[in-house]
Amino acid sequence: MRKYLILLFFSVSFFAQAQQNSDEKAIQQLIQGSFDELFSKFDTAQIGNFYTEDFILLEQGEVWDMQILLEYFAKAKQNPNPATRVNRFEFIKTTVSGNRAWVAYHNYATISRDGQVIRDVQWLESATAIKTSAGWRLDMLHSTRMEKK
């Protein structure tokens, strides 16, 4: 009987750790996908796949709600010669507690036009997410631009 209890304990512990790792990976993929689809492609049809309806972005001292974000994306789509943005992330820490999570990371973007790099930008960011019936969604993102050294 004792062997079965030990086996059960390790099975439950392993499953919990596997679920934690799965959620952490899903949240990191949520960050990557949101920047690739929204801030690189401006595909606003996918906004609900990444953000909650009450999502806010704290961007360099400003508060951007969903309306401001949609206006930003609409304006970006009107550019007849848009730049290409490639996103890369270095995740510092991802913490999941039940149906809530937060993540801290470095966000790097290379902006190019016609094959020429215009600029490289780096931010230090954090985000919070909630697990919904449709999966993980970001409800807040905080972004601080890093100055080049």
C-alpha atoms as a PDB file:
ATOM      1  CA  MET A   1       0.000   0.000   0.000  1.00  0.00           C
ATOM      2  CA  ARG A   2       2.816   2.357   0.874  1.00  0.00           C
ATOM      3  CA  LYS A   3       4.351   1.849  -2.587  1.00  0.00           C
ATOM      4  CA  TYR A   4       1.055   2.877  -4.181  1.00  0.00           C
ATOM      5  CA  LEU A   5       0.835   6.031  -2.063  1.00  0.00           C
ATOM      6  CA  ILE A   6       4.381   6.992  -2.985  1.00  0.00           C
ATOM      7  CA  LEU A   7       3.666   6.290  -6.650  1.00  0.00           C
ATOM      8  CA  LEU A   8       0.451   8.338  -6.459  1.00  0.00           C
ATOM      9  CA  PHE A   9       2.297  11.230  -4.793  1.00  0.00           C
ATOM     10  CA  PHE A  10       4.995  11.279  -7.492  1.00  0.00           C
ATOM     11  CA  SER A  11       2.403  10.959 -10.259  1.00  0.00           C
ATOM     12  CA  VAL A  12       0.404  13.912  -8.937  1.00  0.00           C
ATOM     13  CA  SER A  13       3.593  15.962  -8.422  1.00  0.00           C
ATOM     14  CA  PHE A  14       4.794  15.158 -11.931  1.00  0.00           C
ATOM     15  CA  PHE A  15       1.425  16.073 -13.455  1.00  0.00           C
ATOM     16  CA  ALA A  16       1.311  19.377 -11.538  1.00  0.00           C
ATOM     17  CA  GLN A  17       4.840  20.274 -12.677  1.00  0.00           C
ATOM     18  CA  ALA A  18       4.057  19.303 -16.274  1.00  0.00           C
ATOM     19  CA  GLN A  19       0.913  21.481 -16.192  1.00  0.00           C
ATOM     20  CA  GLN A  20       2.914  24.386 -14.712  1.00  0.00           C
ATOM     21  CA  ASN A  21       5.528  24.077 -17.473  1.00  0.00           C
ATOM     22  CA  SER A  22       2.778  23.821 -20.103  1.00  0.00           C
ATOM     23  CA  ASP A  23       1.088  26.989 -18.799  1.00  0.00           C
ATOM     24  CA  GLU A  24       4.393  28.878 -18.641  1.00  0.00           C
ATOM     25  CA  LYS A  25       5.142  27.904 -22.248  1.00  0.00           C
ATOM     26  CA  ALA A  26       1.608  28.884 -23.340  1.00  0.00           C
ATOM     27  CA  ILE A  27       1.992  32.319 -21.740  1.00  0.00           C
ATOM     28  CA  GLN A  28       5.379  32.871 -23.383  1.00  0.00           C
ATOM     29  CA  GLN A  29       3.882  31.832 -26.736  1.00  0.00           C
ATOM     30  CA  LEU A  30       1.001  34.238 -26.058  1.00  0.00           C
ATOM     31  CA  ILE A  31       3.511  37.086 -25.717  1.00  0.00           C
ATOM     32  CA  GLN A  32       5.363  36.080 -28.900  1.00  0.00           C
ATOM     33  CA  GLY A  33       2.154  35.607 -30.875  1.00  0.00           C
ATOM     34  CA  SER A  34       0.613  38.881 -29.747  1.00  0.00           C
ATOM     35  CA  PHE A  35       3.599  40.870 -30.945  1.00  0.00           C
ATOM     36  CA  ASP A  36       3.963  38.904 -34.182  1.00  0.00           C
ATOM     37  CA  GLU A  37       0.292  39.087 -35.132  1.00  0.00           C
ATOM     38  CA  LEU A  38      -0.685  42.470 -33.687  1.00  0.00           C
ATOM     39  CA  PHE A  39       2.406  44.699 -33.576  1.00  0.00           C
ATOM     40  CA  SER A  40       4.094  43.252 -36.679  1.00  0.00           C
ATOM     41  CA  LYS A  41       1.144  42.326 -38.934  1.00  0.00           C
ATOM     42  CA  PHE A  42      -1.500  44.623 -37.366  1.00  0.00           C
ATOM     43  CA  ASP A  43      -3.989  41.760 -37.677  1.00  0.00           C
ATOM     44  CA  THR A  44      -6.716  43.185 -35.446  1.00  0.00           C
ATOM     45  CA  ALA A  45      -9.030  40.271 -36.277  1.00  0.00           C
ATOM     46  CA  GLN A  46      -6.836  38.236 -33.919  1.00  0.00           C
ATOM     47  CA  ILE A  47      -6.883  40.655 -30.986  1.00  0.00           C
ATOM     48  CA  GLY A  48      -9.314  38.450 -29.025  1.00  0.00           C
ATOM     49  CA  ASN A  49      -6.879  35.542 -29.327  1.00  0.00           C
ATOM     50  CA  PHE A  50      -4.370  37.453 -27.211  1.00  0.00           C
ATOM     51  CA  TYR A  51      -6.101  40.110 -25.100  1.00  0.00           C
ATOM     52  CA  THR A  52      -9.067  40.315 -22.750  1.00  0.00           C
ATOM     53  CA  GLU A  53     -11.727  42.902 -23.572  1.00  0.00           C
ATOM     54  CA  ASP A  54     -10.508  45.137 -20.733  1.00  0.00           C
ATOM     55  CA  PHE A  55      -6.809  44.835 -21.672  1.00  0.00           C
ATOM     56  CA  ILE A  56      -4.593  47.840 -20.960  1.00  0.00           C
ATOM     57  CA  LEU A  57      -1.078  48.649 -22.083  1.00  0.00           C
ATOM     58  CA  LEU A  58       1.100  50.891 -19.932  1.00  0.00           C
ATOM     59  CA  GLU A  59       3.381  52.238 -22.644  1.00  0.00           C
ATOM     60  CA  GLN A  60       6.221  54.573 -21.709  1.00  0.00           C
ATOM     61  CA  GLY A  61       4.145  56.484 -19.139  1.00  0.00           C
ATOM     62  CA  GLU A  62       0.866  56.391 -21.097  1.00  0.00           C
ATOM     63  CA  VAL A  63      -2.237  54.256 -20.583  1.00  0.00           C
ATOM     64  CA  TRP A  64      -3.485  52.631 -23.786  1.00  0.00           C
ATOM     65  CA  ASP A  65      -6.901  50.991 -23.650  1.00  0.00           C
ATOM     66  CA  MET A  66      -8.415  48.830 -26.365  1.00  0.00           C
ATOM     67  CA  GLN A  67      -9.726  51.848 -28.321  1.00  0.00           C
ATOM     68  CA  ILE A  68      -6.312  53.522 -28.421  1.00  0.00           C
ATOM     69  CA  LEU A  69      -4.691  50.243 -29.505  1.00  0.00           C
ATOM     70  CA  LEU A  70      -7.208  49.731 -32.310  1.00  0.00           C
ATOM     71  CA  GLU A  71      -6.637  53.309 -33.508  1.00  0.00           C
ATOM     72  CA  TYR A  72      -2.862  52.716 -33.438  1.00  0.00           C
ATOM     73  CA  PHE A  73      -3.220  49.521 -35.503  1.00  0.00           C
ATOM     74  CA  ALA A  74      -5.630  51.192 -37.967  1.00  0.00           C
ATOM     75  CA  LYS A  75      -3.192  54.060 -38.524  1.00  0.00           C
ATOM     76  CA  ALA A  76      -0.294  51.636 -38.979  1.00  0.00           C
ATOM     77  CA  LYS A  77      -2.266  49.677 -41.618  1.00  0.00           C
ATOM     78  CA  GLN A  78      -2.676  52.853 -43.702  1.00  0.00           C
ATOM     79  CA  ASN A  79       1.079  53.170 -44.294  1.00  0.00           C
ATOM     80  CA  PRO A  80       1.637  52.418 -48.016  1.00  0.00           C
ATOM     81  CA  ASN A  81       5.237  51.290 -47.366  1.00  0.00           C
ATOM     82  CA  PRO A  82       5.149  49.690 -43.927  1.00  0.00           C
ATOM     83  CA  ALA A  83       8.268  48.628 -42.111  1.00  0.00           C
ATOM     84  CA  THR A  84       8.841  45.000 -41.168  1.00  0.00           C
ATOM     85  CA  ARG A  85       9.136  44.237 -37.469  1.00  0.00           C
ATOM     86  CA  VAL A  86      10.823  41.065 -36.205  1.00  0.00           C
ATOM     87  CA  ASN A  87      10.315  40.326 -32.507  1.00  0.00           C
ATOM     88  CA  ARG A  88      12.567  38.373 -30.168  1.00  0.00           C
ATOM     89  CA  PHE A  89      12.101  37.749 -26.452  1.00  0.00           C
ATOM     90  CA  GLU A  90      14.270  36.756 -23.519  1.00  0.00           C
ATOM     91  CA  PHE A  91      12.008  35.623 -20.707  1.00  0.00           C
ATOM     92  CA  ILE A  92      13.228  36.519 -17.241  1.00  0.00           C
ATOM     93  CA  LYS A  93      10.523  34.897 -15.137  1.00  0.00           C
ATOM     94  CA  THR A  94       7.095  33.403 -15.689  1.00  0.00           C
ATOM     95  CA  THR A  95       4.911  32.638 -12.687  1.00  0.00           C
ATOM     96  CA  VAL A  96       1.574  30.825 -12.761  1.00  0.00           C
ATOM     97  CA  SER A  97      -0.754  30.688  -9.777  1.00  0.00           C
ATOM     98  CA  GLY A  98      -4.054  29.007 -10.580  1.00  0.00           C
ATOM     99  CA  ASN A  99      -5.810  30.956 -13.335  1.00  0.00           C
ATOM    100  CA  ARG A 100      -3.525  34.007 -13.006  1.00  0.00           C
ATOM    101  CA  ALA A 101      -0.006  34.511 -14.293  1.00  0.00           C
ATOM    102  CA  TRP A 102       2.634  37.156 -14.720  1.00  0.00           C
ATOM    103  CA  VAL A 103       5.714  37.268 -16.878  1.00  0.00           C
ATOM    104  CA  ALA A 104       8.778  39.533 -17.078  1.00  0.00           C
ATOM    105  CA  TYR A 105      10.922  39.668 -20.215  1.00  0.00           C
ATOM    106  CA  HIS A 106      13.135  41.646 -22.545  1.00  0.00           C
ATOM    107  CA  ASN A 107      11.478  42.493 -25.858  1.00  0.00           C
ATOM    108  CA  TYR A 108      13.738  43.132 -28.853  1.00  0.00           C
ATOM    109  CA  ALA A 109      12.442  44.399 -32.189  1.00  0.00           C
ATOM    110  CA  THR A 110      14.355  44.856 -35.417  1.00  0.00           C
ATOM    111  CA  ILE A 111      12.595  47.310 -37.711  1.00  0.00           C
ATOM    112  CA  SER A 112      13.437  47.092 -41.435  1.00  0.00           C
ATOM    113  CA  ARG A 113      12.212  48.620 -44.653  1.00  0.00           C
ATOM    114  CA  ASP A 114      13.116  47.402 -48.129  1.00  0.00           C
ATOM    115  CA  GLY A 115      15.633  44.970 -46.635  1.00  0.00           C
ATOM    116  CA  GLN A 116      17.500  47.656 -44.669  1.00  0.00           C
ATOM    117  CA  VAL A 117      17.484  47.768 -40.870  1.00  0.00           C
ATOM    118  CA  ILE A 118      16.059  51.108 -39.771  1.00  0.00           C
ATOM    119  CA  ARG A 119      16.542  50.554 -36.047  1.00  0.00           C
ATOM    120  CA  ASP A 120      16.765  48.051 -33.244  1.00  0.00           C
ATOM    121  CA  VAL A 121      14.625  48.712 -30.183  1.00  0.00           C
ATOM    122  CA  GLN A 122      14.616  47.063 -26.760  1.00  0.00           C
ATOM    123  CA  TRP A 123      12.037  47.157 -23.989  1.00  0.00           C
ATOM    124  CA  LEU A 124      11.842  45.734 -20.489  1.00  0.00           C
ATOM    125  CA  GLU A 125       8.294  44.487 -20.093  1.00  0.00           C
ATOM    126  CA  SER A 126       5.953  42.664 -17.777  1.00  0.00           C
ATOM    127  CA  ALA A 127       2.494  41.292 -18.387  1.00  0.00           C
ATOM    128  CA  THR A 128      -0.327  39.649 -16.511  1.00  0.00           C
ATOM    129  CA  ALA A 129      -2.604  36.994 -17.938  1.00  0.00           C
ATOM    130  CA  ILE A 130      -5.772  35.205 -16.971  1.00  0.00           C
ATOM    131  CA  LYS A 131      -6.832  31.713 -17.994  1.00  0.00           C
ATOM    132  CA  THR A 132     -10.224  31.914 -19.700  1.00  0.00           C
ATOM    133  CA  SER A 133     -12.446  29.222 -21.165  1.00  0.00           C
ATOM    134  CA  ALA A 134     -10.692  29.975 -24.497  1.00  0.00           C
ATOM    135  CA  GLY A 135      -7.190  29.720 -22.995  1.00  0.00           C
ATOM    136  CA  TRP A 136      -4.688  32.234 -21.650  1.00  0.00           C
ATOM    137  CA  ARG A 137      -5.281  35.917 -22.469  1.00  0.00           C
ATOM    138  CA  LEU A 138      -3.232  38.984 -21.540  1.00  0.00           C
ATOM    139  CA  ASP A 139      -5.075  41.575 -19.477  1.00  0.00           C
ATOM    140  CA  MET A 140      -2.186  43.998 -18.836  1.00  0.00           C
ATOM    141  CA  LEU A 141       1.166  44.765 -20.367  1.00  0.00           C
ATOM    142  CA  HIS A 142       3.718  47.233 -19.002  1.00  0.00           C
ATOM    143  CA  SER A 143       6.447  48.443 -21.347  1.00  0.00           C
ATOM    144  CA  THR A 144       9.537  50.556 -20.682  1.00  0.00           C
ATOM    145  CA  ARG A 145      11.870  51.384 -23.550  1.00  0.00           C
ATOM    146  CA  MET A 146      15.511  50.712 -22.815  1.00  0.00           C
ATOM    147  CA  GLU A 147      18.081  53.264 -23.910  1.00  0.00           C
ATOM    148  CA  LYS A 148      21.039  52.015 -25.911  1.00  0.00           C
ATOM    149  CA  LYS A 149      24.252  51.827 -23.909  1.00  0.00           C
END
